Amino acid sequence: MTPAWVPDTEQKAMRDLTRARDDMKTQERKARQQLNAFVLRHGHHWSKGRSHDT
């Protein structure tokens, strides 16, 4: 048999936190893309020199 590594409570908590952050960043990116598409679809444009994703 091959020994299995079992993470302790602190490592499990860090893994959960990292996964939650990744999920939130994915949702944030999707929402930003949807907002940009909505703005462009309605004929509006971002001003010159200004980033559209901030």
Protein backbone atom coordinates (compact mmCIF):
# COMPACT_ATOMS: atom_id res chain seq x y z
CA MET A 1 0.00 0.00 0.00
CA THR A 2 1.08 3.55 -0.68
CA PRO A 3 0.92 5.96 2.26
CA ALA A 4 -1.59 8.80 1.88
CA TRP A 5 -0.98 12.36 3.02
CA VAL A 6 -3.84 13.88 5.01
CA PRO A 7 -3.84 17.69 5.27
CA ASP A 8 -4.32 19.20 8.70
CA THR A 9 -7.06 21.71 9.59
CA GLU A 10 -4.95 24.77 8.78
CA GLN A 11 -4.00 23.43 5.35
CA LYS A 12 -7.63 22.58 4.59
CA ALA A 13 -8.69 26.10 5.58
CA MET A 14 -6.04 27.66 3.33
CA ARG A 15 -7.10 25.45 0.43
CA ASP A 16 -10.75 26.45 0.93
CA LEU A 17 -9.81 30.13 1.11
CA THR A 18 -7.75 29.87 -2.08
CA ARG A 19 -10.58 28.12 -3.92
CA ALA A 20 -13.10 30.71 -2.74
CA ARG A 21 -10.83 33.54 -3.93
CA ASP A 22 -10.40 31.88 -7.32
CA ASP A 23 -14.19 31.54 -7.63
CA MET A 24 -14.71 35.21 -6.74
CA LYS A 25 -12.07 36.37 -9.24
CA THR A 26 -13.77 34.30 -11.96
CA GLN A 27 -17.14 35.85 -11.12
CA GLU A 28 -15.60 39.33 -11.07
CA ARG A 29 -14.05 38.82 -14.52
CA LYS A 30 -17.35 37.52 -15.93
CA ALA A 31 -19.31 40.46 -14.48
CA ARG A 32 -16.77 42.94 -15.89
CA GLN A 33 -17.03 41.35 -19.34
CA GLN A 34 -20.83 41.46 -19.19
CA LEU A 35 -20.81 45.11 -18.13
CA ASN A 36 -18.40 46.05 -20.92
CA ALA A 37 -20.56 44.21 -23.47
CA PHE A 38 -23.67 45.96 -22.17
CA VAL A 39 -22.03 49.40 -22.40
CA LEU A 40 -20.74 48.80 -25.92
CA ARG A 41 -24.06 47.29 -27.06
CA HIS A 42 -25.80 50.53 -26.07
CA GLY A 43 -23.38 52.66 -28.09
CA HIS A 44 -21.28 54.06 -25.26
CA HIS A 45 -17.51 54.11 -25.29
CA TRP A 46 -14.89 54.62 -22.63
CA SER A 47 -13.10 57.98 -22.66
CA LYS A 48 -9.64 58.18 -24.16
CA GLY A 49 -6.81 57.38 -21.82
CA ARG A 50 -9.10 55.59 -19.39
CA SER A 51 -8.99 51.84 -18.92
CA HIS A 52 -12.37 50.19 -19.36
CA ASP A 53 -11.74 47.48 -16.80
CA THR A 54 -11.10 49.56 -13.68
